[in-house]
Amino acid sequence: MEEINERQELLERVCEVRVFGSYLEAREYLGDVDIALRIERKGSSGKEWRRESLRRADESGHKFSSYIDRLSYGHTEFMRLLQAGSQYLSLHTIDDLEKVGTQSRILFKDSSDSQ
């Protein structure tokens, strides 16, 4: 996670990563590994973040079917890097994990995170 957080060109950073679900149950077979993330936008917000996300989308060379796809490119790019092409990682938000109230274990917590 540190490597991703250090990438200056990315618009978001990972604050916390937790594992939950069957991974914590000592099962012999795991269908997937459930990961909950708390991420935040780096420095920029509002109009500046929108401008940067659109710039990154335009520079990516991808074709987008809608403005929303272009606008969300910064987040989509970030999540794809975290997924790293693995079909076995199931990514969720920590907010969703806390709503369900299931047990989890912290795998990573950014030392500069205030929460």
PDB file of N, CA and C in Angstrom:
ATOM      1  N   MET A   1       0.807  -1.192   0.000  1.00  0.00           N
ATOM      2  CA  MET A   1       0.000   0.000   0.000  1.00  0.00           C
ATOM      3  C   MET A   1       0.855   1.262   0.000  1.00  0.00           C
ATOM      4  N   GLU A   2       1.999   1.184   0.677  1.00  0.00           N
ATOM      5  CA  GLU A   2       2.864   2.358   0.709  1.00  0.00           C
ATOM      6  C   GLU A   2       3.265   2.786  -0.698  1.00  0.00           C
ATOM      7  N   GLU A   3       3.542   1.771  -1.565  1.00  0.00           N
ATOM      8  CA  GLU A   3       3.961   2.095  -2.932  1.00  0.00           C
ATOM      9  C   GLU A   3       2.875   2.858  -3.678  1.00  0.00           C
ATOM     10  N   ILE A   4       1.638   2.435  -3.503  1.00  0.00           N
ATOM     11  CA  ILE A   4       0.521   3.117  -4.166  1.00  0.00           C
ATOM     12  C   ILE A   4       0.343   4.509  -3.581  1.00  0.00           C
ATOM     13  N   ASN A   5       0.406   4.624  -2.271  1.00  0.00           N
ATOM     14  CA  ASN A   5       0.249   5.935  -1.637  1.00  0.00           C
ATOM     15  C   ASN A   5       1.344   6.914  -2.043  1.00  0.00           C
ATOM     16  N   GLU A   6       2.518   6.417  -2.369  1.00  0.00           N
ATOM     17  CA  GLU A   6       3.638   7.284  -2.757  1.00  0.00           C
ATOM     18  C   GLU A   6       3.553   7.761  -4.198  1.00  0.00           C
ATOM     19  N   ARG A   7       2.679   7.175  -4.992  1.00  0.00           N
ATOM     20  CA  ARG A   7       2.567   7.571  -6.401  1.00  0.00           C
ATOM     21  C   ARG A   7       1.862   8.919  -6.488  1.00  0.00           C
ATOM     22  N   GLN A   8       2.626   9.937  -6.791  1.00  0.00           N
ATOM     23  CA  GLN A   8       2.133  11.313  -6.802  1.00  0.00           C
ATOM     24  C   GLN A   8       1.053  11.553  -7.846  1.00  0.00           C
ATOM     25  N   GLU A   9       1.084  10.803  -8.946  1.00  0.00           N
ATOM     26  CA  GLU A   9       0.119  11.041 -10.012  1.00  0.00           C
ATOM     27  C   GLU A   9      -1.298  10.557  -9.675  1.00  0.00           C
ATOM     28  N   LEU A  10      -1.406   9.661  -8.699  1.00  0.00           N
ATOM     29  CA  LEU A  10      -2.728   9.143  -8.336  1.00  0.00           C
ATOM     30  C   LEU A  10      -3.489  10.161  -7.494  1.00  0.00           C
ATOM     31  N   LEU A  11      -4.805  10.164  -7.633  1.00  0.00           N
ATOM     32  CA  LEU A  11      -5.638  11.169  -6.982  1.00  0.00           C
ATOM     33  C   LEU A  11      -6.156  10.733  -5.616  1.00  0.00           C
ATOM     34  N   GLU A  12      -5.923   9.481  -5.246  1.00  0.00           N
ATOM     35  CA  GLU A  12      -6.409   8.957  -3.966  1.00  0.00           C
ATOM     36  C   GLU A  12      -5.295   8.211  -3.255  1.00  0.00           C
ATOM     37  N   ARG A  13      -5.536   7.932  -1.994  1.00  0.00           N
ATOM     38  CA  ARG A  13      -4.581   7.145  -1.214  1.00  0.00           C
ATOM     39  C   ARG A  13      -5.342   6.192  -0.304  1.00  0.00           C
ATOM     40  N   VAL A  14      -4.671   5.129   0.105  1.00  0.00           N
ATOM     41  CA  VAL A  14      -5.251   4.135   1.011  1.00  0.00           C
ATOM     42  C   VAL A  14      -4.946   4.554   2.436  1.00  0.00           C
ATOM     43  N   CYS A  15      -5.987   4.653   3.254  1.00  0.00           N
ATOM     44  CA  CYS A  15      -5.805   4.984   4.673  1.00  0.00           C
ATOM     45  C   CYS A  15      -5.800   3.731   5.542  1.00  0.00           C
ATOM     46  N   GLU A  16      -6.648   2.768   5.172  1.00  0.00           N
ATOM     47  CA  GLU A  16      -6.759   1.563   5.989  1.00  0.00           C
ATOM     48  C   GLU A  16      -7.247   0.404   5.138  1.00  0.00           C
ATOM     49  N   VAL A  17      -6.749  -0.794   5.453  1.00  0.00           N
ATOM     50  CA  VAL A  17      -7.166  -2.024   4.781  1.00  0.00           C
ATOM     51  C   VAL A  17      -7.493  -3.048   5.862  1.00  0.00           C
ATOM     52  N   ARG A  18      -8.658  -3.668   5.726  1.00  0.00           N
ATOM     53  CA  ARG A  18      -9.050  -4.742   6.646  1.00  0.00           C
ATOM     54  C   ARG A  18      -9.455  -5.972   5.840  1.00  0.00           C
ATOM     55  N   VAL A  19      -9.186  -7.124   6.390  1.00  0.00           N
ATOM     56  CA  VAL A  19      -9.643  -8.375   5.802  1.00  0.00           C
ATOM     57  C   VAL A  19     -10.801  -8.890   6.661  1.00  0.00           C
ATOM     58  N   PHE A  20     -11.772  -9.521   6.014  1.00  0.00           N
ATOM     59  CA  PHE A  20     -12.909 -10.076   6.747  1.00  0.00           C
ATOM     60  C   PHE A  20     -13.454 -11.274   5.985  1.00  0.00           C
ATOM     61  N   GLY A  21     -14.475 -11.885   6.530  1.00  0.00           N
ATOM     62  CA  GLY A  21     -15.123 -13.011   5.848  1.00  0.00           C
ATOM     63  C   GLY A  21     -14.403 -14.321   6.071  1.00  0.00           C
ATOM     64  N   SER A  22     -14.499 -15.200   5.075  1.00  0.00           N
ATOM     65  CA  SER A  22     -13.998 -16.573   5.210  1.00  0.00           C
ATOM     66  C   SER A  22     -12.499 -16.640   5.477  1.00  0.00           C
ATOM     67  N   TYR A  23     -11.749 -15.630   5.107  1.00  0.00           N
ATOM     68  CA  TYR A  23     -10.309 -15.613   5.363  1.00  0.00           C
ATOM     69  C   TYR A  23     -10.012 -15.708   6.858  1.00  0.00           C
ATOM     70  N   LEU A  24     -10.879 -15.124   7.683  1.00  0.00           N
ATOM     71  CA  LEU A  24     -10.668 -15.137   9.129  1.00  0.00           C
ATOM     72  C   LEU A  24     -11.178 -16.415   9.799  1.00  0.00           C
ATOM     73  N   GLU A  25     -11.841 -17.260   9.043  1.00  0.00           N
ATOM     74  CA  GLU A  25     -12.470 -18.454   9.613  1.00  0.00           C
ATOM     75  C   GLU A  25     -11.631 -19.719   9.487  1.00  0.00           C
ATOM     76  N   ALA A  26     -10.389 -19.594   9.067  1.00  0.00           N
ATOM     77  CA  ALA A  26      -9.462 -20.728   8.945  1.00  0.00           C
ATOM     78  C   ALA A  26     -10.052 -21.852   8.097  1.00  0.00           C
ATOM     79  N   ARG A  27     -10.680 -21.498   7.007  1.00  0.00           N
ATOM     80  CA  ARG A  27     -11.228 -22.485   6.076  1.00  0.00           C
ATOM     81  C   ARG A  27     -10.116 -23.058   5.214  1.00  0.00           C
ATOM     82  N   GLU A  28     -10.323 -24.293   4.791  1.00  0.00           N
ATOM     83  CA  GLU A  28      -9.332 -24.927   3.918  1.00  0.00           C
ATOM     84  C   GLU A  28      -9.373 -24.315   2.520  1.00  0.00           C
ATOM     85  N   TYR A  29     -10.561 -23.968   2.047  1.00  0.00           N
ATOM     86  CA  TYR A  29     -10.710 -23.401   0.708  1.00  0.00           C
ATOM     87  C   TYR A  29     -11.328 -22.011   0.804  1.00  0.00           C
ATOM     88  N   LEU A  30     -10.740 -21.067   0.108  1.00  0.00           N
ATOM     89  CA  LEU A  30     -11.279 -19.710   0.043  1.00  0.00           C
ATOM     90  C   LEU A  30     -11.717 -19.422  -1.386  1.00  0.00           C
ATOM     91  N   GLY A  31     -12.964 -19.013  -1.563  1.00  0.00           N
ATOM     92  CA  GLY A  31     -13.432 -18.629  -2.884  1.00  0.00           C
ATOM     93  C   GLY A  31     -12.849 -17.291  -3.296  1.00  0.00           C
ATOM     94  N   ASP A  32     -12.779 -16.383  -2.336  1.00  0.00           N
ATOM     95  CA  ASP A  32     -12.176 -15.074  -2.565  1.00  0.00           C
ATOM     96  C   ASP A  32     -11.719 -14.528  -1.222  1.00  0.00           C
ATOM     97  N   VAL A  33     -11.022 -13.419  -1.268  1.00  0.00           N
ATOM     98  CA  VAL A  33     -10.581 -12.751  -0.051  1.00  0.00           C
ATOM     99  C   VAL A  33     -11.281 -11.400  -0.014  1.00  0.00           C
ATOM    100  N   ASP A  34     -12.066 -11.199   1.046  1.00  0.00           N
ATOM    101  CA  ASP A  34     -12.824  -9.965   1.210  1.00  0.00           C
ATOM    102  C   ASP A  34     -11.957  -8.913   1.885  1.00  0.00           C
ATOM    103  N   ILE A  35     -11.802  -7.791   1.199  1.00  0.00           N
ATOM    104  CA  ILE A  35     -10.972  -6.696   1.675  1.00  0.00           C
ATOM    105  C   ILE A  35     -11.841  -5.443   1.781  1.00  0.00           C
ATOM    106  N   ALA A  36     -11.751  -4.770   2.921  1.00  0.00           N
ATOM    107  CA  ALA A  36     -12.445  -3.489   3.106  1.00  0.00           C
ATOM    108  C   ALA A  36     -11.398  -2.384   3.121  1.00  0.00           C
ATOM    109  N   LEU A  37     -11.695  -1.302   2.409  1.00  0.00           N
ATOM    110  CA  LEU A  37     -10.758  -0.196   2.247  1.00  0.00           C
ATOM    111  C   LEU A  37     -11.353   1.109   2.728  1.00  0.00           C
ATOM    112  N   ARG A  38     -10.519   1.900   3.330  1.00  0.00           N
ATOM    113  CA  ARG A  38     -10.870   3.310   3.551  1.00  0.00           C
ATOM    114  C   ARG A  38      -9.859   4.097   2.746  1.00  0.00           C
ATOM    115  N   ILE A  39     -10.364   4.819   1.755  1.00  0.00           N
ATOM    116  CA  ILE A  39      -9.508   5.623   0.906  1.00  0.00           C
ATOM    117  C   ILE A  39      -9.958   7.075   1.004  1.00  0.00           C
ATOM    118  N   GLU A  40      -9.065   7.965   0.630  1.00  0.00           N
ATOM    119  CA  GLU A  40      -9.418   9.376   0.594  1.00  0.00           C
ATOM    120  C   GLU A  40      -8.715  10.040  -0.568  1.00  0.00           C
ATOM    121  N   ARG A  41      -9.297  11.139  -0.998  1.00  0.00           N
ATOM    122  CA  ARG A  41      -8.680  11.923  -2.052  1.00  0.00           C
ATOM    123  C   ARG A  41      -7.443  12.610  -1.500  1.00  0.00           C
ATOM    124  N   LYS A  42      -6.433  12.675  -2.333  1.00  0.00           N
ATOM    125  CA  LYS A  42      -5.237  13.416  -1.954  1.00  0.00           C
ATOM    126  C   LYS A  42      -5.519  14.901  -2.092  1.00  0.00           C
ATOM    127  N   GLY A  43      -4.932  15.689  -1.240  1.00  0.00           N
ATOM    128  CA  GLY A  43      -4.958  17.138  -1.252  1.00  0.00           C
ATOM    129  C   GLY A  43      -6.086  17.859  -1.946  1.00  0.00           C
ATOM    130  N   SER A  44      -6.334  17.547  -3.210  1.00  0.00           N
ATOM    131  CA  SER A  44      -7.316  18.307  -3.961  1.00  0.00           C
ATOM    132  C   SER A  44      -8.740  17.847  -3.660  1.00  0.00           C
ATOM    133  N   SER A  45      -9.663  18.770  -3.814  1.00  0.00           N
ATOM    134  CA  SER A  45     -11.071  18.432  -3.645  1.00  0.00           C
ATOM    135  C   SER A  45     -11.903  19.299  -4.577  1.00  0.00           C
ATOM    136  N   GLY A  46     -13.149  18.983  -4.699  1.00  0.00           N
ATOM    137  CA  GLY A  46     -14.065  19.781  -5.488  1.00  0.00           C
ATOM    138  C   GLY A  46     -13.651  19.941  -6.932  1.00  0.00           C
ATOM    139  N   LYS A  47     -13.653  21.189  -7.401  1.00  0.00           N
ATOM    140  CA  LYS A  47     -13.360  21.480  -8.809  1.00  0.00           C
ATOM    141  C   LYS A  47     -11.962  21.035  -9.213  1.00  0.00           C
ATOM    142  N   GLU A  48     -11.005  21.198  -8.335  1.00  0.00           N
ATOM    143  CA  GLU A  48      -9.627  20.801  -8.653  1.00  0.00           C
ATOM    144  C   GLU A  48      -9.538  19.294  -8.879  1.00  0.00           C
ATOM    145  N   TRP A  49     -10.194  18.508  -8.026  1.00  0.00           N
ATOM    146  CA  TRP A  49     -10.184  17.049  -8.188  1.00  0.00           C
ATOM    147  C   TRP A  49     -10.857  16.664  -9.503  1.00  0.00           C
ATOM    148  N   ARG A  50     -11.996  17.277  -9.813  1.00  0.00           N
ATOM    149  CA  ARG A  50     -12.694  16.995 -11.076  1.00  0.00           C
ATOM    150  C   ARG A  50     -11.788  17.302 -12.269  1.00  0.00           C
ATOM    151  N   ARG A  51     -11.151  18.440 -12.227  1.00  0.00           N
ATOM    152  CA  ARG A  51     -10.261  18.835 -13.319  1.00  0.00           C
ATOM    153  C   ARG A  51      -9.126  17.813 -13.481  1.00  0.00           C
ATOM    154  N   GLU A  52      -8.525  17.394 -12.384  1.00  0.00           N
ATOM    155  CA  GLU A  52      -7.418  16.432 -12.446  1.00  0.00           C
ATOM    156  C   GLU A  52      -7.886  15.068 -12.934  1.00  0.00           C
ATOM    157  N   SER A  53      -9.055  14.635 -12.487  1.00  0.00           N
ATOM    158  CA  SER A  53      -9.581  13.343 -12.930  1.00  0.00           C
ATOM    159  C   SER A  53      -9.885  13.370 -14.424  1.00  0.00           C
ATOM    160  N   LEU A  54     -10.472  14.444 -14.909  1.00  0.00           N
ATOM    161  CA  LEU A  54     -10.747  14.580 -16.340  1.00  0.00           C
ATOM    162  C   LEU A  54      -9.442  14.644 -17.136  1.00  0.00           C
ATOM    163  N   ARG A  55      -8.444  15.335 -16.616  1.00  0.00           N
ATOM    164  CA  ARG A  55      -7.147  15.413 -17.288  1.00  0.00           C
ATOM    165  C   ARG A  55      -6.522  14.035 -17.408  1.00  0.00           C
ATOM    166  N   ARG A  56      -6.559  13.268 -16.309  1.00  0.00           N
ATOM    167  CA  ARG A  56      -5.989  11.915 -16.324  1.00  0.00           C
ATOM    168  C   ARG A  56      -6.741  11.029 -17.318  1.00  0.00           C
ATOM    169  N   ALA A  57      -8.062  11.178 -17.360  1.00  0.00           N
ATOM    170  CA  ALA A  57      -8.868  10.397 -18.303  1.00  0.00           C
ATOM    171  C   ALA A  57      -8.469  10.725 -19.731  1.00  0.00           C
ATOM    172  N   ASP A  58      -8.347  12.007 -20.028  1.00  0.00           N
ATOM    173  CA  ASP A  58      -8.000  12.427 -21.381  1.00  0.00           C
ATOM    174  C   ASP A  58      -6.603  11.960 -21.771  1.00  0.00           C
ATOM    175  N   GLU A  59      -5.675  11.966 -20.837  1.00  0.00           N
ATOM    176  CA  GLU A  59      -4.308  11.542 -21.118  1.00  0.00           C
ATOM    177  C   GLU A  59      -4.150  10.022 -21.177  1.00  0.00           C
ATOM    178  N   SER A  60      -5.147   9.287 -20.692  1.00  0.00           N
ATOM    179  CA  SER A  60      -5.052   7.826 -20.650  1.00  0.00           C
ATOM    180  C   SER A  60      -5.139   7.184 -22.026  1.00  0.00           C
ATOM    181  N   GLY A  61      -5.754   7.896 -22.977  1.00  0.00           N
ATOM    182  CA  GLY A  61      -5.936   7.329 -24.305  1.00  0.00           C
ATOM    183  C   GLY A  61      -7.157   6.441 -24.426  1.00  0.00           C
ATOM    184  N   HIS A  62      -7.894   6.248 -23.344  1.00  0.00           N
ATOM    185  CA  HIS A  62      -9.110   5.434 -23.366  1.00  0.00           C
ATOM    186  C   HIS A  62     -10.257   6.201 -23.998  1.00  0.00           C
ATOM    187  N   LYS A  63     -11.203   5.466 -24.546  1.00  0.00           N
ATOM    188  CA  LYS A  63     -12.460   6.037 -25.029  1.00  0.00           C
ATOM    189  C   LYS A  63     -13.492   5.838 -23.928  1.00  0.00           C
ATOM    190  N   PHE A  64     -14.255   6.865 -23.634  1.00  0.00           N
ATOM    191  CA  PHE A  64     -15.257   6.802 -22.570  1.00  0.00           C
ATOM    192  C   PHE A  64     -16.641   6.974 -23.170  1.00  0.00           C
ATOM    193  N   SER A  65     -17.572   6.198 -22.663  1.00  0.00           N
ATOM    194  CA  SER A  65     -18.935   6.252 -23.202  1.00  0.00           C
ATOM    195  C   SER A  65     -19.757   7.375 -22.589  1.00  0.00           C
ATOM    196  N   SER A  66     -19.276   7.964 -21.498  1.00  0.00           N
ATOM    197  CA  SER A  66     -20.044   9.041 -20.871  1.00  0.00           C
ATOM    198  C   SER A  66     -19.114   9.991 -20.103  1.00  0.00           C
ATOM    199  N   TYR A  67     -19.646  11.140 -19.806  1.00  0.00           N
ATOM    200  CA  TYR A  67     -18.930  12.122 -18.992  1.00  0.00           C
ATOM    201  C   TYR A  67     -18.635  11.546 -17.605  1.00  0.00           C
ATOM    202  N   ILE A  68     -19.588  10.827 -17.048  1.00  0.00           N
ATOM    203  CA  ILE A  68     -19.402  10.230 -15.709  1.00  0.00           C
ATOM    204  C   ILE A  68     -18.225   9.256 -15.712  1.00  0.00           C
ATOM    205  N   ASP A  69     -18.087   8.477 -16.773  1.00  0.00           N
ATOM    206  CA  ASP A  69     -16.939   7.571 -16.864  1.00  0.00           C
ATOM    207  C   ASP A  69     -15.631   8.346 -16.888  1.00  0.00           C
ATOM    208  N   ARG A  70     -15.587   9.443 -17.618  1.00  0.00           N
ATOM    209  CA  ARG A  70     -14.392  10.302 -17.652  1.00  0.00           C
ATOM    210  C   ARG A  70     -14.135  10.906 -16.274  1.00  0.00           C
ATOM    211  N   LEU A  71     -15.201  11.418 -15.670  1.00  0.00           N
ATOM    212  CA  LEU A  71     -15.092  12.082 -14.379  1.00  0.00           C
ATOM    213  C   LEU A  71     -14.597  11.136 -13.289  1.00  0.00           C
ATOM    214  N   SER A  72     -15.025   9.906 -13.344  1.00  0.00           N
ATOM    215  CA  SER A  72     -14.649   8.947 -12.296  1.00  0.00           C
ATOM    216  C   SER A  72     -13.365   8.184 -12.632  1.00  0.00           C
ATOM    217  N   TYR A  73     -12.695   8.559 -13.702  1.00  0.00           N
ATOM    218  CA  TYR A  73     -11.501   7.827 -14.114  1.00  0.00           C
ATOM    219  C   TYR A  73     -10.431   7.770 -13.024  1.00  0.00           C
ATOM    220  N   GLY A  74     -10.197   8.859 -12.324  1.00  0.00           N
ATOM    221  CA  GLY A  74      -9.179   8.863 -11.272  1.00  0.00           C
ATOM    222  C   GLY A  74      -9.441   7.793 -10.215  1.00  0.00           C
ATOM    223  N   HIS A  75     -10.703   7.650  -9.825  1.00  0.00           N
ATOM    224  CA  HIS A  75     -11.064   6.627  -8.836  1.00  0.00           C
ATOM    225  C   HIS A  75     -10.979   5.228  -9.450  1.00  0.00           C
ATOM    226  N   THR A  76     -11.493   5.082 -10.667  1.00  0.00           N
ATOM    227  CA  THR A  76     -11.465   3.776 -11.337  1.00  0.00           C
ATOM    228  C   THR A  76     -10.033   3.289 -11.516  1.00  0.00           C
ATOM    229  N   GLU A  77      -9.162   4.179 -11.950  1.00  0.00           N
ATOM    230  CA  GLU A  77      -7.749   3.848 -12.126  1.00  0.00           C
ATOM    231  C   GLU A  77      -7.146   3.368 -10.805  1.00  0.00           C
ATOM    232  N   PHE A  78      -7.438   4.071  -9.732  1.00  0.00           N
ATOM    233  CA  PHE A  78      -6.917   3.742  -8.410  1.00  0.00           C
ATOM    234  C   PHE A  78      -7.391   2.354  -7.967  1.00  0.00           C
ATOM    235  N   MET A  79      -8.692   2.094  -8.124  1.00  0.00           N
ATOM    236  CA  MET A  79      -9.240   0.802  -7.709  1.00  0.00           C
ATOM    237  C   MET A  79      -8.665  -0.344  -8.540  1.00  0.00           C
ATOM    238  N   ARG A  80      -8.438  -0.123  -9.810  1.00  0.00           N
ATOM    239  CA  ARG A  80      -7.826  -1.159 -10.657  1.00  0.00           C
ATOM    240  C   ARG A  80      -6.411  -1.490 -10.190  1.00  0.00           C
ATOM    241  N   LEU A  81      -5.677  -0.488  -9.790  1.00  0.00           N
ATOM    242  CA  LEU A  81      -4.335  -0.741  -9.259  1.00  0.00           C
ATOM    243  C   LEU A  81      -4.408  -1.578  -7.987  1.00  0.00           C
ATOM    244  N   LEU A  82      -5.371  -1.282  -7.130  1.00  0.00           N
ATOM    245  CA  LEU A  82      -5.520  -2.055  -5.899  1.00  0.00           C
ATOM    246  C   LEU A  82      -5.942  -3.491  -6.189  1.00  0.00           C
ATOM    247  N   GLN A  83      -6.821  -3.657  -7.147  1.00  0.00           N
ATOM    248  CA  GLN A  83      -7.303  -4.993  -7.528  1.00  0.00           C
ATOM    249  C   GLN A  83      -6.187  -5.817  -8.154  1.00  0.00           C
ATOM    250  N   ALA A  84      -5.271  -5.151  -8.818  1.00  0.00           N
ATOM    251  CA  ALA A  84      -4.085  -5.778  -9.426  1.00  0.00           C
ATOM    252  C   ALA A  84      -4.444  -6.966 -10.321  1.00  0.00           C
ATOM    253  N   GLY A  85      -5.593  -6.909 -10.964  1.00  0.00           N
ATOM    254  CA  GLY A  85      -5.990  -7.962 -11.895  1.00  0.00           C
ATOM    255  C   GLY A  85      -6.425  -9.259 -11.235  1.00  0.00           C
ATOM    256  N   SER A  86      -6.500  -9.296  -9.935  1.00  0.00           N
ATOM    257  CA  SER A  86      -6.860 -10.527  -9.240  1.00  0.00           C
ATOM    258  C   SER A  86      -8.369 -10.730  -9.216  1.00  0.00           C
ATOM    259  N   GLN A  87      -8.797 -11.892  -9.673  1.00  0.00           N
ATOM    260  CA  GLN A  87     -10.213 -12.226  -9.603  1.00  0.00           C
ATOM    261  C   GLN A  87     -10.604 -12.748  -8.215  1.00  0.00           C
ATOM    262  N   TYR A  88      -9.626 -12.912  -7.352  1.00  0.00           N
ATOM    263  CA  TYR A  88      -9.883 -13.466  -6.021  1.00  0.00           C
ATOM    264  C   TYR A  88     -10.004 -12.415  -4.931  1.00  0.00           C
ATOM    265  N   LEU A  89      -9.742 -11.163  -5.266  1.00  0.00           N
ATOM    266  CA  LEU A  89      -9.922 -10.087  -4.298  1.00  0.00           C
ATOM    267  C   LEU A  89     -11.305  -9.474  -4.484  1.00  0.00           C
ATOM    268  N   SER A  90     -12.032  -9.358  -3.404  1.00  0.00           N
ATOM    269  CA  SER A  90     -13.337  -8.710  -3.428  1.00  0.00           C
ATOM    270  C   SER A  90     -13.221  -7.443  -2.583  1.00  0.00           C
ATOM    271  N   LEU A  91     -13.240  -6.284  -3.254  1.00  0.00           N
ATOM    272  CA  LEU A  91     -13.003  -5.004  -2.578  1.00  0.00           C
ATOM    273  C   LEU A  91     -14.316  -4.360  -2.143  1.00  0.00           C
ATOM    274  N   HIS A  92     -14.307  -3.861  -0.911  1.00  0.00           N
ATOM    275  CA  HIS A  92     -15.475  -3.219  -0.309  1.00  0.00           C
ATOM    276  C   HIS A  92     -15.004  -1.954   0.417  1.00  0.00           C
ATOM    277  N   THR A  93     -15.950  -1.166   0.884  1.00  0.00           N
ATOM    278  CA  THR A  93     -15.578  -0.007   1.697  1.00  0.00           C
ATOM    279  C   THR A  93     -15.643  -0.391   3.178  1.00  0.00           C
ATOM    280  N   ILE A  94     -14.879   0.292   3.985  1.00  0.00           N
ATOM    281  CA  ILE A  94     -14.935   0.055   5.429  1.00  0.00           C
ATOM    282  C   ILE A  94     -16.294   0.481   5.972  1.00  0.00           C
ATOM    283  N   ASP A  95     -16.898   1.507   5.382  1.00  0.00           N
ATOM    284  CA  ASP A  95     -18.252   1.903   5.795  1.00  0.00           C
ATOM    285  C   ASP A  95     -19.226   0.737   5.647  1.00  0.00           C
ATOM    286  N   ASP A  96     -19.158   0.035   4.514  1.00  0.00           N
ATOM    287  CA  ASP A  96     -20.036  -1.123   4.312  1.00  0.00           C
ATOM    288  C   ASP A  96     -19.744  -2.216   5.333  1.00  0.00           C
ATOM    289  N   LEU A  97     -18.476  -2.458   5.588  1.00  0.00           N
ATOM    290  CA  LEU A  97     -18.081  -3.470   6.572  1.00  0.00           C
ATOM    291  C   LEU A  97     -18.636  -3.124   7.949  1.00  0.00           C
ATOM    292  N   GLU A  98     -18.519  -1.875   8.348  1.00  0.00           N
ATOM    293  CA  GLU A  98     -19.000  -1.464   9.667  1.00  0.00           C
ATOM    294  C   GLU A  98     -20.522  -1.528   9.773  1.00  0.00           C
ATOM    295  N   LYS A  99     -21.227  -1.267   8.687  1.00  0.00           N
ATOM    296  CA  LYS A  99     -22.695  -1.381   8.690  1.00  0.00           C
ATOM    297  C   LYS A  99     -23.136  -2.810   8.941  1.00  0.00           C
ATOM    298  N   VAL A 100     -22.404  -3.761   8.367  1.00  0.00           N
ATOM    299  CA  VAL A 100     -22.721  -5.174   8.550  1.00  0.00           C
ATOM    300  C   VAL A 100     -22.324  -5.630   9.948  1.00  0.00           C
ATOM    301  N   GLY A 101     -21.279  -5.034  10.493  1.00  0.00           N
ATOM    302  CA  GLY A 101     -20.848  -5.347  11.850  1.00  0.00           C
ATOM    303  C   GLY A 101     -20.126  -6.667  11.983  1.00  0.00           C
ATOM    304  N   THR A 102     -19.471  -7.110  10.940  1.00  0.00           N
ATOM    305  CA  THR A 102     -18.754  -8.377  10.991  1.00  0.00           C
ATOM    306  C   THR A 102     -17.321  -8.174  11.497  1.00  0.00           C
ATOM    307  N   GLN A 103     -16.740  -9.244  11.973  1.00  0.00           N
ATOM    308  CA  GLN A 103     -15.374  -9.205  12.486  1.00  0.00           C
ATOM    309  C   GLN A 103     -14.398  -8.941  11.341  1.00  0.00           C
ATOM    310  N   SER A 104     -13.338  -8.201  11.651  1.00  0.00           N
ATOM    311  CA  SER A 104     -12.306  -7.932  10.648  1.00  0.00           C
ATOM    312  C   SER A 104     -10.958  -7.800  11.346  1.00  0.00           C
ATOM    313  N   ARG A 105      -9.919  -7.815  10.526  1.00  0.00           N
ATOM    314  CA  ARG A 105      -8.567  -7.624  11.049  1.00  0.00           C
ATOM    315  C   ARG A 105      -7.858  -6.587  10.181  1.00  0.00           C
ATOM    316  N   ILE A 106      -7.210  -5.649  10.826  1.00  0.00           N
ATOM    317  CA  ILE A 106      -6.491  -4.601  10.107  1.00  0.00           C
ATOM    318  C   ILE A 106      -5.219  -5.188   9.499  1.00  0.00           C
ATOM    319  N   LEU A 107      -5.059  -4.978   8.194  1.00  0.00           N
ATOM    320  CA  LEU A 107      -3.853  -5.403   7.491  1.00  0.00           C
ATOM    321  C   LEU A 107      -2.893  -4.241   7.274  1.00  0.00           C
ATOM    322  N   PHE A 108      -3.467  -3.040   7.141  1.00  0.00           N
ATOM    323  CA  PHE A 108      -2.657  -1.858   6.861  1.00  0.00           C
ATOM    324  C   PHE A 108      -3.379  -0.639   7.403  1.00  0.00           C
ATOM    325  N   LYS A 109      -2.618   0.240   8.025  1.00  0.00           N
ATOM    326  CA  LYS A 109      -3.150   1.528   8.451  1.00  0.00           C
ATOM    327  C   LYS A 109      -2.046   2.542   8.207  1.00  0.00           C
ATOM    328  N   ASP A 110      -2.361   3.545   7.403  1.00  0.00           N
ATOM    329  CA  ASP A 110      -1.387   4.574   7.063  1.00  0.00           C
ATOM    330  C   ASP A 110      -1.018   5.346   8.330  1.00  0.00           C
ATOM    331  N   SER A 111       0.251   5.454   8.609  1.00  0.00           N
ATOM    332  CA  SER A 111       0.706   6.119   9.831  1.00  0.00           C
ATOM    333  C   SER A 111       0.384   7.612   9.832  1.00  0.00           C
ATOM    334  N   SER A 112       0.155   8.197   8.662  1.00  0.00           N
ATOM    335  CA  SER A 112      -0.188   9.613   8.603  1.00  0.00           C
ATOM    336  C   SER A 112      -1.697   9.850   8.676  1.00  0.00           C
ATOM    337  N   ASP A 113      -2.467   8.768   8.820  1.00  0.00           N
ATOM    338  CA  ASP A 113      -3.930   8.873   8.859  1.00  0.00           C
ATOM    339  C   ASP A 113      -4.381   9.369  10.224  1.00  0.00           C
ATOM    340  N   SER A 114      -5.318  10.290  10.216  1.00  0.00           N
ATOM    341  CA  SER A 114      -5.786  10.894  11.467  1.00  0.00           C
ATOM    342  C   SER A 114      -6.928  10.130  12.120  1.00  0.00           C
ATOM    343  N   GLN A 115      -7.577   9.205  11.411  1.00  0.00           N
ATOM    344  CA  GLN A 115      -8.716   8.492  12.007  1.00  0.00           C
ATOM    345  C   GLN A 115      -8.288   7.277  12.771  1.00  0.00           C
TER     346      GLN A 115
END
